[in-house]
PDB file of N, CA and C in Angstrom:
ATOM      1  N   MET A   1     -34.765 -15.541 -23.727  1.00  0.00           N
ATOM      2  CA  MET A   1     -34.259 -16.130 -22.506  1.00  0.00           C
ATOM      3  C   MET A   1     -32.789 -15.788 -22.297  1.00  0.00           C
ATOM      4  N   ALA A   2     -32.048 -15.605 -23.355  1.00  0.00           N
ATOM      5  CA  ALA A   2     -30.615 -15.348 -23.227  1.00  0.00           C
ATOM      6  C   ALA A   2     -30.346 -14.018 -22.531  1.00  0.00           C
ATOM      7  N   TRP A   3     -31.199 -13.022 -22.758  1.00  0.00           N
ATOM      8  CA  TRP A   3     -30.964 -11.730 -22.118  1.00  0.00           C
ATOM      9  C   TRP A   3     -31.174 -11.807 -20.608  1.00  0.00           C
ATOM     10  N   VAL A   4     -32.062 -12.679 -20.145  1.00  0.00           N
ATOM     11  CA  VAL A   4     -32.277 -12.844 -18.708  1.00  0.00           C
ATOM     12  C   VAL A   4     -31.041 -13.456 -18.059  1.00  0.00           C
ATOM     13  N   VAL A   5     -30.488 -14.469 -18.701  1.00  0.00           N
ATOM     14  CA  VAL A   5     -29.293 -15.117 -18.173  1.00  0.00           C
ATOM     15  C   VAL A   5     -28.105 -14.162 -18.257  1.00  0.00           C
ATOM     16  N   GLY A   6     -28.036 -13.391 -19.326  1.00  0.00           N
ATOM     17  CA  GLY A   6     -26.963 -12.400 -19.452  1.00  0.00           C
ATOM     18  C   GLY A   6     -27.058 -11.324 -18.380  1.00  0.00           C
ATOM     19  N   ALA A   7     -28.264 -10.878 -18.063  1.00  0.00           N
ATOM     20  CA  ALA A   7     -28.442  -9.894 -16.998  1.00  0.00           C
ATOM     21  C   ALA A   7     -28.051 -10.486 -15.652  1.00  0.00           C
ATOM     22  N   GLY A   8     -28.364 -11.762 -15.432  1.00  0.00           N
ATOM     23  CA  GLY A   8     -27.944 -12.430 -14.208  1.00  0.00           C
ATOM     24  C   GLY A   8     -26.435 -12.537 -14.107  1.00  0.00           C
ATOM     25  N   GLY A   9     -25.775 -12.807 -15.218  1.00  0.00           N
ATOM     26  CA  GLY A   9     -24.313 -12.850 -15.232  1.00  0.00           C
ATOM     27  C   GLY A   9     -23.706 -11.490 -14.923  1.00  0.00           C
ATOM     28  N   PHE A  10     -24.315 -10.433 -15.484  1.00  0.00           N
ATOM     29  CA  PHE A  10     -23.834  -9.082 -15.198  1.00  0.00           C
ATOM     30  C   PHE A  10     -24.006  -8.739 -13.724  1.00  0.00           C
ATOM     31  N   LEU A  11     -25.155  -9.080 -13.151  1.00  0.00           N
ATOM     32  CA  LEU A  11     -25.374  -8.830 -11.726  1.00  0.00           C
ATOM     33  C   LEU A  11     -24.439  -9.666 -10.862  1.00  0.00           C
ATOM     34  N   GLY A  12     -24.096 -10.873 -11.334  1.00  0.00           N
ATOM     35  CA  GLY A  12     -23.112 -11.685 -10.629  1.00  0.00           C
ATOM     36  C   GLY A  12     -21.745 -11.018 -10.613  1.00  0.00           C
ATOM     37  N   LEU A  13     -21.326 -10.463 -11.757  1.00  0.00           N
ATOM     38  CA  LEU A  13     -20.062  -9.729 -11.804  1.00  0.00           C
ATOM     39  C   LEU A  13     -20.086  -8.518 -10.884  1.00  0.00           C
ATOM     40  N   LEU A  14     -21.203  -7.821 -10.848  1.00  0.00           N
ATOM     41  CA  LEU A  14     -21.341  -6.661  -9.975  1.00  0.00           C
ATOM     42  C   LEU A  14     -21.249  -7.070  -8.507  1.00  0.00           C
ATOM     43  N   ALA A  15     -21.901  -8.172  -8.141  1.00  0.00           N
ATOM     44  CA  ALA A  15     -21.842  -8.651  -6.761  1.00  0.00           C
ATOM     45  C   ALA A  15     -20.429  -9.085  -6.389  1.00  0.00           C
ATOM     46  N   ILE A  16     -19.721  -9.724  -7.306  1.00  0.00           N
ATOM     47  CA  ILE A  16     -18.335 -10.121  -7.043  1.00  0.00           C
ATOM     48  C   ILE A  16     -17.462  -8.884  -6.843  1.00  0.00           C
ATOM     49  N   ALA A  17     -17.643  -7.867  -7.680  1.00  0.00           N
ATOM     50  CA  ALA A  17     -16.857  -6.638  -7.533  1.00  0.00           C
ATOM     51  C   ALA A  17     -17.145  -5.967  -6.193  1.00  0.00           C
ATOM     52  N   LEU A  18     -18.411  -5.914  -5.789  1.00  0.00           N
ATOM     53  CA  LEU A  18     -18.747  -5.306  -4.506  1.00  0.00           C
ATOM     54  C   LEU A  18     -18.201  -6.128  -3.341  1.00  0.00           C
ATOM     55  N   GLY A  19     -18.199  -7.443  -3.482  1.00  0.00           N
ATOM     56  CA  GLY A  19     -17.628  -8.292  -2.439  1.00  0.00           C
ATOM     57  C   GLY A  19     -16.135  -8.073  -2.281  1.00  0.00           C
ATOM     58  N   ILE A  20     -15.429  -7.940  -3.392  1.00  0.00           N
ATOM     59  CA  ILE A  20     -13.983  -7.700  -3.336  1.00  0.00           C
ATOM     60  C   ILE A  20     -13.693  -6.345  -2.708  1.00  0.00           C
ATOM     61  N   VAL A  21     -14.459  -5.324  -3.089  1.00  0.00           N
ATOM     62  CA  VAL A  21     -14.262  -3.991  -2.507  1.00  0.00           C
ATOM     63  C   VAL A  21     -14.536  -4.019  -1.011  1.00  0.00           C
ATOM     64  N   THR A  22     -15.570  -4.733  -0.601  1.00  0.00           N
ATOM     65  CA  THR A  22     -15.890  -4.813   0.822  1.00  0.00           C
ATOM     66  C   THR A  22     -14.800  -5.540   1.593  1.00  0.00           C
ATOM     67  N   LEU A  23     -14.273  -6.612   1.038  1.00  0.00           N
ATOM     68  CA  LEU A  23     -13.206  -7.340   1.724  1.00  0.00           C
ATOM     69  C   LEU A  23     -11.913  -6.534   1.799  1.00  0.00           C
ATOM     70  N   ARG A  24     -11.589  -5.806   0.750  1.00  0.00           N
ATOM     71  CA  ARG A  24     -10.319  -5.078   0.714  1.00  0.00           C
ATOM     72  C   ARG A  24     -10.352  -3.789   1.529  1.00  0.00           C
ATOM     73  N   THR A  25     -11.469  -3.052   1.472  1.00  0.00           N
ATOM     74  CA  THR A  25     -11.502  -1.725   2.096  1.00  0.00           C
ATOM     75  C   THR A  25     -12.497  -1.616   3.245  1.00  0.00           C
ATOM     76  N   GLY A  26     -13.459  -2.510   3.331  1.00  0.00           N
ATOM     77  CA  GLY A  26     -14.503  -2.399   4.344  1.00  0.00           C
ATOM     78  C   GLY A  26     -15.659  -1.511   3.918  1.00  0.00           C
ATOM     79  N   TRP A  27     -15.619  -1.005   2.685  1.00  0.00           N
ATOM     80  CA  TRP A  27     -16.686  -0.135   2.193  1.00  0.00           C
ATOM     81  C   TRP A  27     -17.918  -0.954   1.876  1.00  0.00           C
ATOM     82  N   ILE A  28     -19.074  -0.444   2.274  1.00  0.00           N
ATOM     83  CA  ILE A  28     -20.350  -1.110   2.032  1.00  0.00           C
ATOM     84  C   ILE A  28     -21.251  -0.124   1.319  1.00  0.00           C
ATOM     85  N   VAL A  29     -22.127  -0.630   0.471  1.00  0.00           N
ATOM     86  CA  VAL A  29     -23.080   0.203  -0.251  1.00  0.00           C
ATOM     87  C   VAL A  29     -23.854   1.049   0.759  1.00  0.00           C
ATOM     88  N   PRO A  30     -24.040   2.352   0.501  1.00  0.00           N
ATOM     89  CA  PRO A  30     -24.675   3.223   1.496  1.00  0.00           C
ATOM     90  C   PRO A  30     -26.045   2.757   1.986  1.00  0.00           C
ATOM     91  N   THR A  31     -26.802   2.082   1.162  1.00  0.00           N
ATOM     92  CA  THR A  31     -28.128   1.644   1.613  1.00  0.00           C
ATOM     93  C   THR A  31     -28.060   0.500   2.614  1.00  0.00           C
ATOM     94  N   ALA A  32     -26.926  -0.190   2.724  1.00  0.00           N
ATOM     95  CA  ALA A  32     -26.794  -1.320   3.644  1.00  0.00           C
ATOM     96  C   ALA A  32     -25.923  -1.001   4.851  1.00  0.00           C
ATOM     97  N   ARG A  33     -25.318   0.173   4.897  1.00  0.00           N
ATOM     98  CA  ARG A  33     -24.376   0.484   5.976  1.00  0.00           C
ATOM     99  C   ARG A  33     -25.008   0.432   7.355  1.00  0.00           C
ATOM    100  N   ARG A  34     -26.231   0.877   7.467  1.00  0.00           N
ATOM    101  CA  ARG A  34     -26.879   0.934   8.767  1.00  0.00           C
ATOM    102  C   ARG A  34     -27.141  -0.458   9.324  1.00  0.00           C
ATOM    103  N   HIS A  35     -27.294  -1.444   8.469  1.00  0.00           N
ATOM    104  CA  HIS A  35     -27.679  -2.778   8.900  1.00  0.00           C
ATOM    105  C   HIS A  35     -26.497  -3.716   9.128  1.00  0.00           C
ATOM    106  N   VAL A  36     -25.397  -3.520   8.418  1.00  0.00           N
ATOM    107  CA  VAL A  36     -24.279  -4.466   8.449  1.00  0.00           C
ATOM    108  C   VAL A  36     -23.404  -4.203   9.667  1.00  0.00           C
ATOM    109  N   THR A  37     -23.188  -5.257  10.471  1.00  0.00           N
ATOM    110  CA  THR A  37     -22.313  -5.139  11.634  1.00  0.00           C
ATOM    111  C   THR A  37     -20.961  -5.801  11.404  1.00  0.00           C
ATOM    112  N   ARG A  38     -20.874  -6.703  10.433  1.00  0.00           N
ATOM    113  CA  ARG A  38     -19.609  -7.391  10.133  1.00  0.00           C
ATOM    114  C   ARG A  38     -19.341  -7.348   8.624  1.00  0.00           C
ATOM    115  N   PRO A  39     -18.551  -6.382   8.176  1.00  0.00           N
ATOM    116  CA  PRO A  39     -18.328  -6.196   6.735  1.00  0.00           C
ATOM    117  C   PRO A  39     -17.655  -7.384   6.048  1.00  0.00           C
ATOM    118  N   LYS A  40     -16.775  -8.097   6.738  1.00  0.00           N
ATOM    119  CA  LYS A  40     -16.089  -9.221   6.080  1.00  0.00           C
ATOM    120  C   LYS A  40     -17.073 -10.332   5.720  1.00  0.00           C
ATOM    121  N   LEU A  41     -18.018 -10.607   6.600  1.00  0.00           N
ATOM    122  CA  LEU A  41     -19.035 -11.606   6.271  1.00  0.00           C
ATOM    123  C   LEU A  41     -19.892 -11.136   5.102  1.00  0.00           C
ATOM    124  N   GLN A  42     -20.185  -9.840   5.066  1.00  0.00           N
ATOM    125  CA  GLN A  42     -20.960  -9.277   3.960  1.00  0.00           C
ATOM    126  C   GLN A  42     -20.201  -9.452   2.646  1.00  0.00           C
ATOM    127  N   GLY A  43     -18.902  -9.190   2.657  1.00  0.00           N
ATOM    128  CA  GLY A  43     -18.100  -9.334   1.448  1.00  0.00           C
ATOM    129  C   GLY A  43     -18.012 -10.774   0.971  1.00  0.00           C
ATOM    130  N   LEU A  44     -17.813 -11.711   1.898  1.00  0.00           N
ATOM    131  CA  LEU A  44     -17.763 -13.126   1.515  1.00  0.00           C
ATOM    132  C   LEU A  44     -19.112 -13.599   0.978  1.00  0.00           C
ATOM    133  N   GLY A  45     -20.190 -13.144   1.598  1.00  0.00           N
ATOM    134  CA  GLY A  45     -21.523 -13.511   1.112  1.00  0.00           C
ATOM    135  C   GLY A  45     -21.789 -12.970  -0.283  1.00  0.00           C
ATOM    136  N   ALA A  46     -21.351 -11.741  -0.533  1.00  0.00           N
ATOM    137  CA  ALA A  46     -21.517 -11.162  -1.872  1.00  0.00           C
ATOM    138  C   ALA A  46     -20.698 -11.929  -2.902  1.00  0.00           C
ATOM    139  N   LEU A  47     -19.489 -12.346  -2.511  1.00  0.00           N
ATOM    140  CA  LEU A  47     -18.663 -13.138  -3.440  1.00  0.00           C
ATOM    141  C   LEU A  47     -19.334 -14.465  -3.794  1.00  0.00           C
ATOM    142  N   LEU A  48     -19.848 -15.170  -2.803  1.00  0.00           N
ATOM    143  CA  LEU A  48     -20.480 -16.466  -3.080  1.00  0.00           C
ATOM    144  C   LEU A  48     -21.757 -16.304  -3.888  1.00  0.00           C
ATOM    145  N   THR A  49     -22.555 -15.313  -3.567  1.00  0.00           N
ATOM    146  CA  THR A  49     -23.798 -15.085  -4.310  1.00  0.00           C
ATOM    147  C   THR A  49     -23.505 -14.696  -5.759  1.00  0.00           C
ATOM    148  N   GLY A  50     -22.533 -13.814  -5.940  1.00  0.00           N
ATOM    149  CA  GLY A  50     -22.151 -13.414  -7.294  1.00  0.00           C
ATOM    150  C   GLY A  50     -21.548 -14.560  -8.090  1.00  0.00           C
ATOM    151  N   ALA A  51     -20.748 -15.399  -7.419  1.00  0.00           N
ATOM    152  CA  ALA A  51     -20.158 -16.552  -8.105  1.00  0.00           C
ATOM    153  C   ALA A  51     -21.236 -17.518  -8.576  1.00  0.00           C
ATOM    154  N   SER A  52     -22.274 -17.689  -7.773  1.00  0.00           N
ATOM    155  CA  SER A  52     -23.374 -18.566  -8.175  1.00  0.00           C
ATOM    156  C   SER A  52     -24.051 -18.062  -9.442  1.00  0.00           C
ATOM    157  N   ALA A  53     -24.377 -16.773  -9.465  1.00  0.00           N
ATOM    158  CA  ALA A  53     -25.053 -16.207 -10.638  1.00  0.00           C
ATOM    159  C   ALA A  53     -24.143 -16.235 -11.868  1.00  0.00           C
ATOM    160  N   LEU A  54     -22.876 -15.911 -11.683  1.00  0.00           N
ATOM    161  CA  LEU A  54     -21.953 -15.890 -12.818  1.00  0.00           C
ATOM    162  C   LEU A  54     -21.705 -17.283 -13.372  1.00  0.00           C
ATOM    163  N   LEU A  55     -21.513 -18.270 -12.506  1.00  0.00           N
ATOM    164  CA  LEU A  55     -21.285 -19.634 -12.984  1.00  0.00           C
ATOM    165  C   LEU A  55     -22.490 -20.184 -13.735  1.00  0.00           C
ATOM    166  N   GLN A  56     -23.688 -19.883 -13.252  1.00  0.00           N
ATOM    167  CA  GLN A  56     -24.872 -20.358 -13.948  1.00  0.00           C
ATOM    168  C   GLN A  56     -24.974 -19.760 -15.353  1.00  0.00           C
ATOM    169  N   SER A  57     -24.634 -18.475 -15.484  1.00  0.00           N
ATOM    170  CA  SER A  57     -24.705 -17.868 -16.821  1.00  0.00           C
ATOM    171  C   SER A  57     -23.584 -18.381 -17.723  1.00  0.00           C
ATOM    172  N   LEU A  58     -22.391 -18.599 -17.164  1.00  0.00           N
ATOM    173  CA  LEU A  58     -21.305 -19.139 -17.986  1.00  0.00           C
ATOM    174  C   LEU A  58     -21.606 -20.562 -18.452  1.00  0.00           C
ATOM    175  N   LEU A  59     -22.237 -21.343 -17.604  1.00  0.00           N
ATOM    176  CA  LEU A  59     -22.622 -22.697 -18.013  1.00  0.00           C
ATOM    177  C   LEU A  59     -23.740 -22.667 -19.051  1.00  0.00           C
ATOM    178  N   TYR A  60     -24.663 -21.711 -18.931  1.00  0.00           N
ATOM    179  CA  TYR A  60     -25.749 -21.608 -19.901  1.00  0.00           C
ATOM    180  C   TYR A  60     -25.215 -21.270 -21.289  1.00  0.00           C
ATOM    181  N   PHE A  61     -24.273 -20.318 -21.358  1.00  0.00           N
ATOM    182  CA  PHE A  61     -23.723 -19.910 -22.643  1.00  0.00           C
ATOM    183  C   PHE A  61     -22.590 -20.825 -23.109  1.00  0.00           C
ATOM    184  N   GLN A  62     -22.308 -21.888 -22.380  1.00  0.00           N
ATOM    185  CA  GLN A  62     -21.332 -22.912 -22.713  1.00  0.00           C
ATOM    186  C   GLN A  62     -19.910 -22.364 -22.847  1.00  0.00           C
ATOM    187  N   PHE A  63     -19.567 -21.408 -21.965  1.00  0.00           N
ATOM    188  CA  PHE A  63     -18.182 -20.940 -21.887  1.00  0.00           C
ATOM    189  C   PHE A  63     -17.340 -21.887 -21.047  1.00  0.00           C
ATOM    190  N   LEU A  64     -17.996 -22.659 -20.198  1.00  0.00           N
ATOM    191  CA  LEU A  64     -17.323 -23.653 -19.373  1.00  0.00           C
ATOM    192  C   LEU A  64     -17.718 -25.038 -19.864  1.00  0.00           C
ATOM    193  N   PRO A  65     -16.910 -26.039 -19.578  1.00  0.00           N
ATOM    194  CA  PRO A  65     -17.284 -27.397 -19.996  1.00  0.00           C
ATOM    195  C   PRO A  65     -18.621 -27.800 -19.372  1.00  0.00           C
ATOM    196  N   SER A  66     -19.387 -28.520 -20.140  1.00  0.00           N
ATOM    197  CA  SER A  66     -20.715 -28.910 -19.701  1.00  0.00           C
ATOM    198  C   SER A  66     -20.628 -29.923 -18.560  1.00  0.00           C
ATOM    199  N   VAL A  67     -21.454 -29.709 -17.556  1.00  0.00           N
ATOM    200  CA  VAL A  67     -21.565 -30.640 -16.435  1.00  0.00           C
ATOM    201  C   VAL A  67     -23.019 -31.089 -16.359  1.00  0.00           C
ATOM    202  N   SER A  68     -23.260 -32.095 -15.561  1.00  0.00           N
ATOM    203  CA  SER A  68     -24.619 -32.625 -15.481  1.00  0.00           C
ATOM    204  C   SER A  68     -25.562 -31.608 -14.847  1.00  0.00           C
ATOM    205  N   TRP A  69     -26.845 -31.814 -15.087  1.00  0.00           N
ATOM    206  CA  TRP A  69     -27.868 -30.924 -14.559  1.00  0.00           C
ATOM    207  C   TRP A  69     -27.853 -30.928 -13.037  1.00  0.00           C
ATOM    208  N   ASP A  70     -27.611 -32.088 -12.443  1.00  0.00           N
ATOM    209  CA  ASP A  70     -27.608 -32.197 -10.985  1.00  0.00           C
ATOM    210  C   ASP A  70     -26.499 -31.351 -10.366  1.00  0.00           C
ATOM    211  N   VAL A  71     -25.315 -31.403 -10.951  1.00  0.00           N
ATOM    212  CA  VAL A  71     -24.189 -30.636 -10.423  1.00  0.00           C
ATOM    213  C   VAL A  71     -24.468 -29.140 -10.559  1.00  0.00           C
ATOM    214  N   ARG A  72     -25.011 -28.727 -11.691  1.00  0.00           N
ATOM    215  CA  ARG A  72     -25.341 -27.315 -11.890  1.00  0.00           C
ATOM    216  C   ARG A  72     -26.377 -26.852 -10.885  1.00  0.00           C
ATOM    217  N   PHE A  73     -27.432 -27.634 -10.693  1.00  0.00           N
ATOM    218  CA  PHE A  73     -28.528 -27.234  -9.817  1.00  0.00           C
ATOM    219  C   PHE A  73     -28.093 -27.197  -8.357  1.00  0.00           C
ATOM    220  N   PHE A  74     -27.547 -28.302  -7.868  1.00  0.00           N
ATOM    221  CA  PHE A  74     -27.193 -28.372  -6.458  1.00  0.00           C
ATOM    222  C   PHE A  74     -25.966 -27.528  -6.123  1.00  0.00           C
ATOM    223  N   GLY A  75     -25.002 -27.474  -7.018  1.00  0.00           N
ATOM    224  CA  GLY A  75     -23.834 -26.627  -6.781  1.00  0.00           C
ATOM    225  C   GLY A  75     -24.176 -25.146  -6.772  1.00  0.00           C
ATOM    226  N   GLY A  76     -24.984 -24.729  -7.736  1.00  0.00           N
ATOM    227  CA  GLY A  76     -25.399 -23.328  -7.783  1.00  0.00           C
ATOM    228  C   GLY A  76     -26.232 -22.935  -6.575  1.00  0.00           C
ATOM    229  N   ASN A  77     -27.141 -23.817  -6.171  1.00  0.00           N
ATOM    230  CA  ASN A  77     -27.965 -23.523  -5.005  1.00  0.00           C
ATOM    231  C   ASN A  77     -27.145 -23.519  -3.724  1.00  0.00           C
ATOM    232  N   ALA A  78     -26.155 -24.399  -3.617  1.00  0.00           N
ATOM    233  CA  ALA A  78     -25.303 -24.410  -2.430  1.00  0.00           C
ATOM    234  C   ALA A  78     -24.520 -23.103  -2.313  1.00  0.00           C
ATOM    235  N   LEU A  79     -23.958 -22.619  -3.422  1.00  0.00           N
ATOM    236  CA  LEU A  79     -23.255 -21.340  -3.401  1.00  0.00           C
ATOM    237  C   LEU A  79     -24.192 -20.190  -3.058  1.00  0.00           C
ATOM    238  N   LEU A  80     -25.367 -20.200  -3.666  1.00  0.00           N
ATOM    239  CA  LEU A  80     -26.319 -19.118  -3.438  1.00  0.00           C
ATOM    240  C   LEU A  80     -26.780 -19.083  -1.985  1.00  0.00           C
ATOM    241  N   PHE A  81     -27.166 -20.219  -1.430  1.00  0.00           N
ATOM    242  CA  PHE A  81     -27.668 -20.236  -0.060  1.00  0.00           C
ATOM    243  C   PHE A  81     -26.562 -19.965   0.958  1.00  0.00           C
ATOM    244  N   ALA A  82     -25.340 -20.415   0.684  1.00  0.00           N
ATOM    245  CA  ALA A  82     -24.228 -20.099   1.575  1.00  0.00           C
ATOM    246  C   ALA A  82     -23.963 -18.588   1.579  1.00  0.00           C
ATOM    247  N   GLY A  83     -24.006 -17.974   0.404  1.00  0.00           N
ATOM    248  CA  GLY A  83     -23.817 -16.526   0.323  1.00  0.00           C
ATOM    249  C   GLY A  83     -24.921 -15.761   1.028  1.00  0.00           C
ATOM    250  N   LEU A  84     -26.159 -16.197   0.838  1.00  0.00           N
ATOM    251  CA  LEU A  84     -27.275 -15.516   1.501  1.00  0.00           C
ATOM    252  C   LEU A  84     -27.212 -15.696   3.011  1.00  0.00           C
ATOM    253  N   LEU A  85     -26.760 -16.854   3.475  1.00  0.00           N
ATOM    254  CA  LEU A  85     -26.607 -17.082   4.909  1.00  0.00           C
ATOM    255  C   LEU A  85     -25.538 -16.158   5.492  1.00  0.00           C
ATOM    256  N   LEU A  86     -24.421 -16.000   4.797  1.00  0.00           N
ATOM    257  CA  LEU A  86     -23.371 -15.104   5.277  1.00  0.00           C
ATOM    258  C   LEU A  86     -23.836 -13.650   5.293  1.00  0.00           C
ATOM    259  N   ILE A  87     -24.610 -13.253   4.289  1.00  0.00           N
ATOM    260  CA  ILE A  87     -25.132 -11.886   4.267  1.00  0.00           C
ATOM    261  C   ILE A  87     -26.096 -11.674   5.428  1.00  0.00           C
ATOM    262  N   ALA A  88     -26.946 -12.659   5.697  1.00  0.00           N
ATOM    263  CA  ALA A  88     -27.879 -12.543   6.831  1.00  0.00           C
ATOM    264  C   ALA A  88     -27.120 -12.492   8.155  1.00  0.00           C
ATOM    265  N   LEU A  89     -26.083 -13.323   8.306  1.00  0.00           N
ATOM    266  CA  LEU A  89     -25.301 -13.301   9.538  1.00  0.00           C
ATOM    267  C   LEU A  89     -24.565 -11.978   9.714  1.00  0.00           C
ATOM    268  N   SER A  90     -24.129 -11.375   8.622  1.00  0.00           N
ATOM    269  CA  SER A  90     -23.419 -10.098   8.724  1.00  0.00           C
ATOM    270  C   SER A  90     -24.326  -8.990   9.230  1.00  0.00           C
ATOM    271  N   GLN A  91     -25.628  -9.173   9.118  1.00  0.00           N
ATOM    272  CA  GLN A  91     -26.569  -8.170   9.590  1.00  0.00           C
ATOM    273  C   GLN A  91     -27.184  -8.524  10.939  1.00  0.00           C
ATOM    274  N   LEU A  92     -27.188  -9.798  11.303  1.00  0.00           N
ATOM    275  CA  LEU A  92     -27.859 -10.220  12.529  1.00  0.00           C
ATOM    276  C   LEU A  92     -26.924 -10.375  13.726  1.00  0.00           C
ATOM    277  N   LEU A  93     -25.653 -10.683  13.486  1.00  0.00           N
ATOM    278  CA  LEU A  93     -24.728 -10.867  14.602  1.00  0.00           C
ATOM    279  C   LEU A  93     -24.421  -9.525  15.256  1.00  0.00           C
ATOM    280  N   PRO A  94     -24.215  -9.520  16.575  1.00  0.00           N
ATOM    281  CA  PRO A  94     -23.898  -8.250  17.244  1.00  0.00           C
ATOM    282  C   PRO A  94     -22.519  -7.748  16.851  1.00  0.00           C
ATOM    283  N   VAL A  95     -22.286  -6.477  17.098  1.00  0.00           N
ATOM    284  CA  VAL A  95     -21.004  -5.864  16.784  1.00  0.00           C
ATOM    285  C   VAL A  95     -19.942  -6.496  17.666  1.00  0.00           C
ATOM    286  N   ARG A  96     -18.833  -6.859  17.064  1.00  0.00           N
ATOM    287  CA  ARG A  96     -17.733  -7.468  17.807  1.00  0.00           C
ATOM    288  C   ARG A  96     -16.924  -6.367  18.489  1.00  0.00           C
ATOM    289  N   ARG A  97     -16.735  -6.504  19.780  1.00  0.00           N
ATOM    290  CA  ARG A  97     -15.949  -5.533  20.543  1.00  0.00           C
ATOM    291  C   ARG A  97     -14.502  -5.983  20.590  1.00  0.00           C
ATOM    292  N   ASN A  98     -13.590  -5.043  20.409  1.00  0.00           N
ATOM    293  CA  ASN A  98     -12.160  -5.339  20.439  1.00  0.00           C
ATOM    294  C   ASN A  98     -11.672  -5.262  21.891  1.00  0.00           C
ATOM    295  N   PRO A  99     -11.150  -6.353  22.452  1.00  0.00           N
ATOM    296  CA  PRO A  99     -10.718  -6.321  23.849  1.00  0.00           C
ATOM    297  C   PRO A  99      -9.462  -5.486  24.077  1.00  0.00           C
ATOM    298  N   ASP A 100      -8.754  -5.086  23.030  1.00  0.00           N
ATOM    299  CA  ASP A 100      -7.544  -4.282  23.189  1.00  0.00           C
ATOM    300  C   ASP A 100      -7.848  -2.842  23.552  1.00  0.00           C
ATOM    301  N   HIS A 101      -9.065  -2.371  23.244  1.00  0.00           N
ATOM    302  CA  HIS A 101      -9.422  -0.981  23.549  1.00  0.00           C
ATOM    303  C   HIS A 101      -9.776  -0.858  25.024  1.00  0.00           C
ATOM    304  N   ALA A 102      -9.479   0.297  25.583  1.00  0.00           N
ATOM    305  CA  ALA A 102      -9.778   0.545  26.990  1.00  0.00           C
ATOM    306  C   ALA A 102     -11.286   0.666  27.184  1.00  0.00           C
ATOM    307  N   ASP A 103     -11.740   0.299  28.341  1.00  0.00           N
ATOM    308  CA  ASP A 103     -13.151   0.410  28.688  1.00  0.00           C
ATOM    309  C   ASP A 103     -13.481   1.877  28.913  1.00  0.00           C
ATOM    310  N   PRO A 104     -14.464   2.447  28.202  1.00  0.00           N
ATOM    311  CA  PRO A 104     -14.752   3.866  28.335  1.00  0.00           C
ATOM    312  C   PRO A 104     -15.295   4.237  29.715  1.00  0.00           C
ATOM    313  N   SER A 105     -15.845   3.281  30.456  1.00  0.00           N
ATOM    314  CA  SER A 105     -16.386   3.607  31.763  1.00  0.00           C
ATOM    315  C   SER A 105     -15.285   3.732  32.819  1.00  0.00           C
ATOM    316  N   GLY A 106     -14.099   3.205  32.525  1.00  0.00           N
ATOM    317  CA  GLY A 106     -12.971   3.314  33.420  1.00  0.00           C
ATOM    318  C   GLY A 106     -12.960   2.324  34.556  1.00  0.00           C
ATOM    319  N   THR A 107     -13.805   1.309  34.531  1.00  0.00           N
ATOM    320  CA  THR A 107     -13.831   0.327  35.621  1.00  0.00           C
ATOM    321  C   THR A 107     -12.935  -0.832  35.341  1.00  0.00           C
TER     322      THR A 107
END
């Protein structure tokens, strides 16, 4: 069981790293570029999702002070679902148009 939790912690670190890169540079993994319309929401969602996985593994291996089962369950799920919601919104919301740019039609 420990290797499963360790793999989840590693994937959490990877998601956090990708979220930071997306927030800092706007770069998105090539397989998701076609779908993402708002990179900042994608980066924040990746950070929250990765934080959920990493915190759960750190609590399992007792690197952090022990908290009650309820706090671990509901807190981890709140982070995970908030991250997944932000990732879904980053793909479903329309592209934001910048009003400072001139209208290409010239009207």
